Structures are given as structure tokens and as C-alpha cells.
Protein backbone atom coordinates (compact mmCIF):
# COMPACT_ATOMS: atom_id res chain seq x y z
CA MET A 1 -0.02 -0.07 -0.09
CA ILE A 2 1.35 3.51 -0.99
CA LEU A 3 0.81 6.21 1.57
CA THR A 4 1.34 9.97 1.47
CA ALA A 5 0.48 12.69 3.87
CA HIS A 6 0.28 16.36 3.93
CA GLN A 7 -0.80 19.23 6.21
CA PRO A 8 -4.06 20.80 5.16
CA VAL A 9 -3.23 23.73 2.94
CA TYR A 10 -5.47 26.36 1.35
CA LEU A 11 -6.08 26.29 -2.43
CA PRO A 12 -3.31 23.67 -2.95
CA TRP A 13 -0.73 23.70 -5.82
CA LEU A 14 -0.47 21.15 -8.53
CA GLY A 15 2.40 19.20 -6.90
CA LEU A 16 0.25 17.98 -4.00
CA PHE A 17 -2.39 16.57 -6.40
CA HIS A 18 0.37 14.65 -8.15
CA LYS A 19 1.59 13.31 -4.91
CA ILE A 20 -1.86 12.13 -3.80
CA ALA A 21 -2.55 10.55 -7.28
CA LEU A 22 0.45 8.30 -6.77
CA SER A 23 -0.88 6.99 -3.49
CA ASP A 24 -3.49 4.59 -2.26
CA MET A 25 -4.09 6.38 0.96
CA PHE A 26 -3.85 10.02 1.87
CA ILE A 27 -3.65 11.26 5.41
CA SER A 28 -4.37 14.99 6.03
CA PHE A 29 -1.85 15.65 8.80
CA ASN A 30 -3.93 18.17 10.88
CA GLN A 31 -2.06 17.55 14.19
CA VAL A 32 1.04 19.37 13.33
CA GLN A 33 1.97 22.82 14.63
CA TYR A 34 0.30 25.77 12.62
CA GLN A 35 2.97 27.70 10.46
CA PRO A 36 2.37 31.27 9.88
CA LYS A 37 3.43 32.82 6.52
CA ASP A 38 3.15 29.22 5.06
CA TRP A 39 0.46 27.63 2.87
CA ASN A 40 -1.85 26.66 5.70
CA ASN A 41 -3.89 29.56 5.14
CA ARG A 42 -2.84 31.10 1.72
CA ASN A 43 -2.00 30.51 -1.93
CA MET A 44 -1.56 32.42 -5.14
CA ILE A 45 -3.71 33.02 -8.14
CA LYS A 46 -2.98 35.01 -11.45
CA THR A 47 -4.38 38.40 -11.85
CA PRO A 48 -3.84 40.79 -14.87
CA SER A 49 -1.18 42.48 -12.81
CA GLY A 50 0.69 39.19 -11.98
CA PRO A 51 0.51 36.67 -9.00
CA LEU A 52 -1.68 37.65 -5.92
CA TRP A 53 -1.94 36.11 -2.51
CA LEU A 54 -5.33 35.01 -1.21
CA THR A 55 -5.06 34.67 2.56
CA VAL A 56 -7.57 33.46 5.13
CA PRO A 57 -7.20 35.49 8.18
CA VAL A 58 -6.92 33.61 11.52
CA LEU A 59 -7.47 34.35 15.05
CA ARG A 60 -3.94 35.13 16.27
CA LYS A 61 -4.34 34.66 20.06
CA GLY A 62 -1.86 31.83 21.03
CA TYR A 63 -2.00 30.67 17.38
CA LEU A 64 1.77 30.00 17.31
CA GLU A 65 1.33 27.14 19.94
CA CYS A 66 -1.77 25.58 18.14
CA THR A 67 -1.86 22.69 15.84
CA ILE A 68 -3.65 23.35 12.56
CA SER A 69 -6.79 21.48 13.69
CA ASP A 70 -7.11 24.24 16.52
CA ILE A 71 -6.74 27.27 14.30
CA HIS A 72 -9.99 29.36 13.87
CA ILE A 73 -10.70 31.74 11.13
CA ASN A 74 -11.19 35.41 11.90
CA ASN A 75 -14.66 35.83 10.41
CA ARG A 76 -14.68 39.50 11.58
CA GLU A 77 -13.04 40.09 8.17
CA PRO A 78 -15.06 39.47 5.10
CA TRP A 79 -12.34 37.27 3.63
CA ALA A 80 -14.77 34.82 1.99
CA ARG A 81 -16.46 37.46 -0.03
CA LYS A 82 -13.39 39.09 -1.07
CA HIS A 83 -11.68 35.89 -2.20
CA TRP A 84 -14.73 34.87 -4.21
CA LYS A 85 -14.97 38.31 -5.79
CA THR A 86 -11.33 38.42 -6.59
CA ILE A 87 -11.53 34.84 -8.20
CA GLN A 88 -14.46 35.96 -10.30
CA LEU A 89 -12.59 39.15 -11.46
CA CYS A 90 -9.62 37.18 -12.54
CA TYR A 91 -11.11 34.03 -14.04
CA SER A 92 -14.75 34.86 -15.11
CA LYS A 93 -13.49 34.89 -18.68
CA ALA A 94 -11.47 31.74 -18.47
CA PRO A 95 -12.64 28.84 -20.63
CA TYR A 96 -13.88 26.63 -17.95
CA PHE A 97 -14.85 29.10 -15.18
CA LYS A 98 -18.55 28.32 -15.47
CA LEU A 99 -17.86 24.63 -15.19
CA TYR A 100 -16.44 24.89 -11.70
CA ALA A 101 -18.04 28.24 -10.50
CA ASP A 102 -20.65 26.60 -8.48
CA PHE A 103 -18.35 24.46 -6.56
CA PHE A 104 -16.34 27.50 -5.44
CA LYS A 105 -19.31 29.71 -4.95
CA ASP A 106 -20.61 27.11 -2.50
CA ILE A 107 -17.31 27.00 -0.66
CA TYR A 108 -17.35 30.72 -0.19
CA THR A 109 -20.92 31.23 0.87
CA ARG A 110 -20.77 28.41 3.53
CA PRO A 111 -19.83 29.30 7.26
CA TRP A 112 -16.44 28.17 8.32
CA GLU A 113 -15.08 28.37 11.83
CA ARG A 114 -11.89 26.23 11.60
CA LEU A 115 -9.31 26.54 8.98
CA VAL A 116 -8.84 22.79 8.85
CA ASP A 117 -12.55 22.18 8.04
CA LEU A 118 -12.31 24.64 5.10
CA ASN A 119 -9.05 23.15 3.74
CA GLU A 120 -9.92 19.56 4.03
CA THR A 121 -13.54 20.02 2.41
CA MET A 122 -12.02 22.02 -0.34
CA LEU A 123 -9.28 19.36 -1.04
CA ILE A 124 -11.98 16.48 -1.10
CA GLY A 125 -14.05 18.45 -3.67
CA LEU A 126 -11.02 19.25 -5.72
CA LEU A 127 -9.84 15.64 -5.76
CA GLU A 128 -13.33 14.64 -7.00
CA ILE A 129 -13.37 17.39 -9.65
CA LEU A 130 -9.94 16.13 -11.00
CA GLY A 131 -10.86 12.52 -10.86
CA ILE A 132 -8.43 11.32 -8.33
CA SER A 133 -9.73 8.51 -6.14
CA VAL A 134 -7.83 7.54 -3.12
CA LYS A 135 -8.80 6.62 0.52
CA ILE A 136 -8.57 9.97 2.70
CA TYR A 137 -8.18 10.01 6.46
CA THR A 138 -7.24 12.53 8.95
CA ALA A 139 -4.42 12.26 11.52
CA ASP A 140 -6.68 12.47 14.41
CA ASN A 141 -8.17 9.07 13.46
CA TRP A 142 -4.77 7.68 14.91
CA LYS A 143 -2.23 8.50 17.69
CA PHE A 144 0.91 8.95 15.70
CA GLU A 145 3.88 9.51 17.84
CA GLY A 146 7.41 11.02 17.35
CA ALA A 147 8.64 13.87 15.13
CA LYS A 148 9.70 14.23 11.61
CA ASN A 149 11.43 10.83 10.45
CA ASP A 150 10.12 8.91 13.39
CA LEU A 151 6.61 10.46 13.10
CA VAL A 152 6.45 9.18 9.38
CA LEU A 153 7.81 5.76 10.40
CA ASP A 154 5.13 5.35 13.03
CA MET A 155 2.48 6.53 10.67
CA CYS A 156 3.57 3.83 7.99
CA ARG A 157 3.67 1.04 10.75
CA LYS A 158 0.31 1.92 12.07
CA VAL A 159 -1.64 2.14 8.64
CA GLY A 160 0.36 -0.76 7.04
CA ALA A 161 2.12 1.21 4.36
CA LYS A 162 4.83 -0.45 2.19
CA THR A 163 5.69 2.64 0.34
CA TYR A 164 5.69 6.22 1.64
CA ILE A 165 5.84 9.30 -0.73
CA PHE A 166 7.74 12.29 0.64
CA GLY A 167 7.74 15.58 -0.79
CA SER A 168 11.08 16.85 -2.08
CA ASN A 169 11.82 18.38 1.35
CA GLY A 170 11.68 15.09 2.90
CA ARG A 171 15.24 14.51 1.81
CA ASP A 172 16.20 17.14 4.57
CA TYR A 173 15.17 15.01 7.46
CA ALA A 174 14.31 11.32 6.21
CA ASP A 175 16.64 8.60 7.33
CA VAL A 176 16.30 6.20 4.39
CA LYS A 177 17.87 3.27 6.12
CA SER A 178 15.38 3.39 9.01
CA PHE A 179 12.68 2.76 6.47
CA THR A 180 14.30 0.13 4.32
CA ARG A 181 15.35 -1.65 7.58
CA ILE A 182 11.75 -2.49 8.34
CA GLY A 183 10.67 -3.06 4.74
CA ILE A 184 9.13 0.31 3.80
CA ASN A 185 10.08 2.08 0.67
CA PRO A 186 10.67 5.83 0.96
CA HIS A 187 10.05 7.74 -2.23
CA PHE A 188 10.91 11.28 -2.79
CA GLN A 189 8.69 13.35 -5.23
CA ASP A 190 10.49 15.37 -7.77
CA TYR A 191 7.72 17.26 -9.29
CA ILE A 192 8.08 18.87 -12.72
CA HIS A 193 5.76 21.78 -13.20
CA PRO A 194 3.94 21.58 -16.46
CA SER A 195 3.19 24.69 -18.63
CA TYR A 196 -0.29 25.20 -20.01
CA THR A 197 -2.45 27.85 -21.74
CA GLN A 198 -2.98 30.66 -19.22
CA MET A 199 -4.80 33.98 -19.06
CA HIS A 200 -3.19 37.36 -18.41
CA GLY A 201 0.23 37.07 -20.21
CA GLU A 202 3.31 35.15 -19.77
CA PHE A 203 3.05 31.83 -17.94
CA ILE A 204 3.55 31.83 -14.21
CA SER A 205 4.01 28.42 -12.40
CA HIS A 206 3.26 27.34 -8.84
CA LEU A 207 -0.19 28.78 -8.48
CA SER A 208 -3.24 27.44 -6.88
CA ILE A 209 -4.80 24.48 -8.67
CA ILE A 210 -7.70 26.66 -9.49
CA ASP A 211 -5.65 28.51 -12.31
CA LEU A 212 -5.15 25.19 -14.10
CA LEU A 213 -8.87 24.13 -13.58
CA PHE A 214 -10.42 27.35 -14.89
CA ASN A 215 -7.97 27.46 -17.94
CA CYS A 216 -7.79 23.83 -18.89
CA GLY A 217 -11.00 22.04 -17.44
CA PRO A 218 -11.28 18.20 -17.82
CA ALA A 219 -7.72 18.03 -19.11
CA SER A 220 -6.22 19.36 -15.77
CA LEU A 221 -5.47 15.87 -14.45
CA GLU A 222 -3.62 14.78 -17.50
CA ILE A 223 -1.71 18.08 -17.61
CA LEU A 224 -0.64 17.97 -13.90
CA MET A 225 0.63 14.45 -14.31
CA SER A 226 2.44 15.08 -17.64
CA SER A 227 6.19 14.61 -17.64
CA ASN A 228 5.87 13.16 -14.14
CA LEU A 229 6.04 9.78 -12.53
CA SER A 230 2.69 7.82 -12.74
CA LYS A 231 1.27 5.61 -10.19
CA ARG A 232 1.90 2.47 -12.42
CA GLN A 233 5.70 3.41 -12.78
CA LEU A 234 5.92 3.91 -8.98
CA GLU A 235 4.34 0.55 -8.26
CA VAL A 236 6.71 -1.14 -10.76
CA SER A 237 9.85 0.38 -9.35
CA TYR A 238 9.18 -1.01 -5.95
CA SER A 239 7.70 -4.48 -7.00
């Protein structure tokens, strides 16, 4: 069984969906510490003036000591209305905006209290739109122990994974021998970002998945997987 995990992030980039598409099981790791100025509550879209951050405001009292699952959205700010209006202004003329507009309108008109609920609901919906089918769980279904390398090892043991997909940054802390010693294959993702037809001038990479969806529609999964490792190739490499 191929496992991967990632903290819940807002409007994820293409690489996360590639990593999930390679797996049999995905764990939303909502028990790690919240990281300000990270991807937990923000991501970029493309505007006629270039890339723009969309940031979900959070309540800041004690937030540096909180896990992601304990972070609450600051709904005193009209962030949802602003984000949806900005997305409409930037993408309403995109070829496939109307195809997905109802999904995003629903997201931005629903009440959200916790950041994790917003992020995980959005991710599940986006995976369905893309046609990526995997088993999805949250870390609070288990009691994983340890930190960094040991935490991933414990996660693999408890769910019965034989291969674990790290992001590229996993090389900074993963002890490969500790995995292979117990029969688990560590794999490090090297995502090659594709180019695709985009609005508003010169191509910009590493934006939110919504830029690809609105511009390329049903071809989005094929595009984000192009020039990258497929699940079949990964399975064969560790068989």
C-alpha cells in the first residue's frame, strides 16, 4: 500500500495533487503545529497584474502554539466574499470558469469556523473534480507518535504502508535506512511543473490548482501528471 500525507493547505498547488494521485491512501496531517506565512491559510492566483496572494485571516491569540486543527478563522473580516469576488474578477472569462463556479461559490458562501474544515472540504472536492480516487483519512483517526522521520515511520507502521511518498523537502530529514530496515520504501517526489495555456500574459508556475482548472478544465489531471512519474511506474519500481 502506497501512503502519503500532507498538512491541510489552502487552495493547494499542482504538486500536492500529483503526490496524492500516486498513492492508495492520503492522510491529512492536521495535528502538526500551525505555521504562519506558510501555505496553511494562503496561496496564489494569477491576476492581470501578476500573482496575488489570497490569505484566510486567522485568530492570532496563542496561534503559534496551536496545531492546525485548533486554528480558527477570523470571520470578523469579510475574507470569503473578497476571495470569491477576486476569483471571479480574475477568471470569469477563463474557458472553464462556468464549469467549476458553482463548487467554489458554495465553498465561499458556507460558514467556516476552523481553517482545517475549510481546507479539508475543499481538498476532497478538488480531488473529486480532478478524478483522483484515494482513501482519505485525517491524522486524528490515529495517535501517531514522534517527530519528523520517526513520526512518518510510526504512521507507516500503524496504517500498514509499504511505500511512503515524501515531498522533495523530505530529503532534509528522512533517514532512508530506518525505512528500508523494516521493509518500507521511501520515495521522494520530484515534481516537474507543467506549462499550460494561461490567461493574463506570460506563464506563471506554482499557482493554486484553480488556475489550471479554470484554464484547462477536464484536461487538468492529464496536464498536472504530464512529464511526471505515474502511479503505475511507482508501483513497478518497488515491486
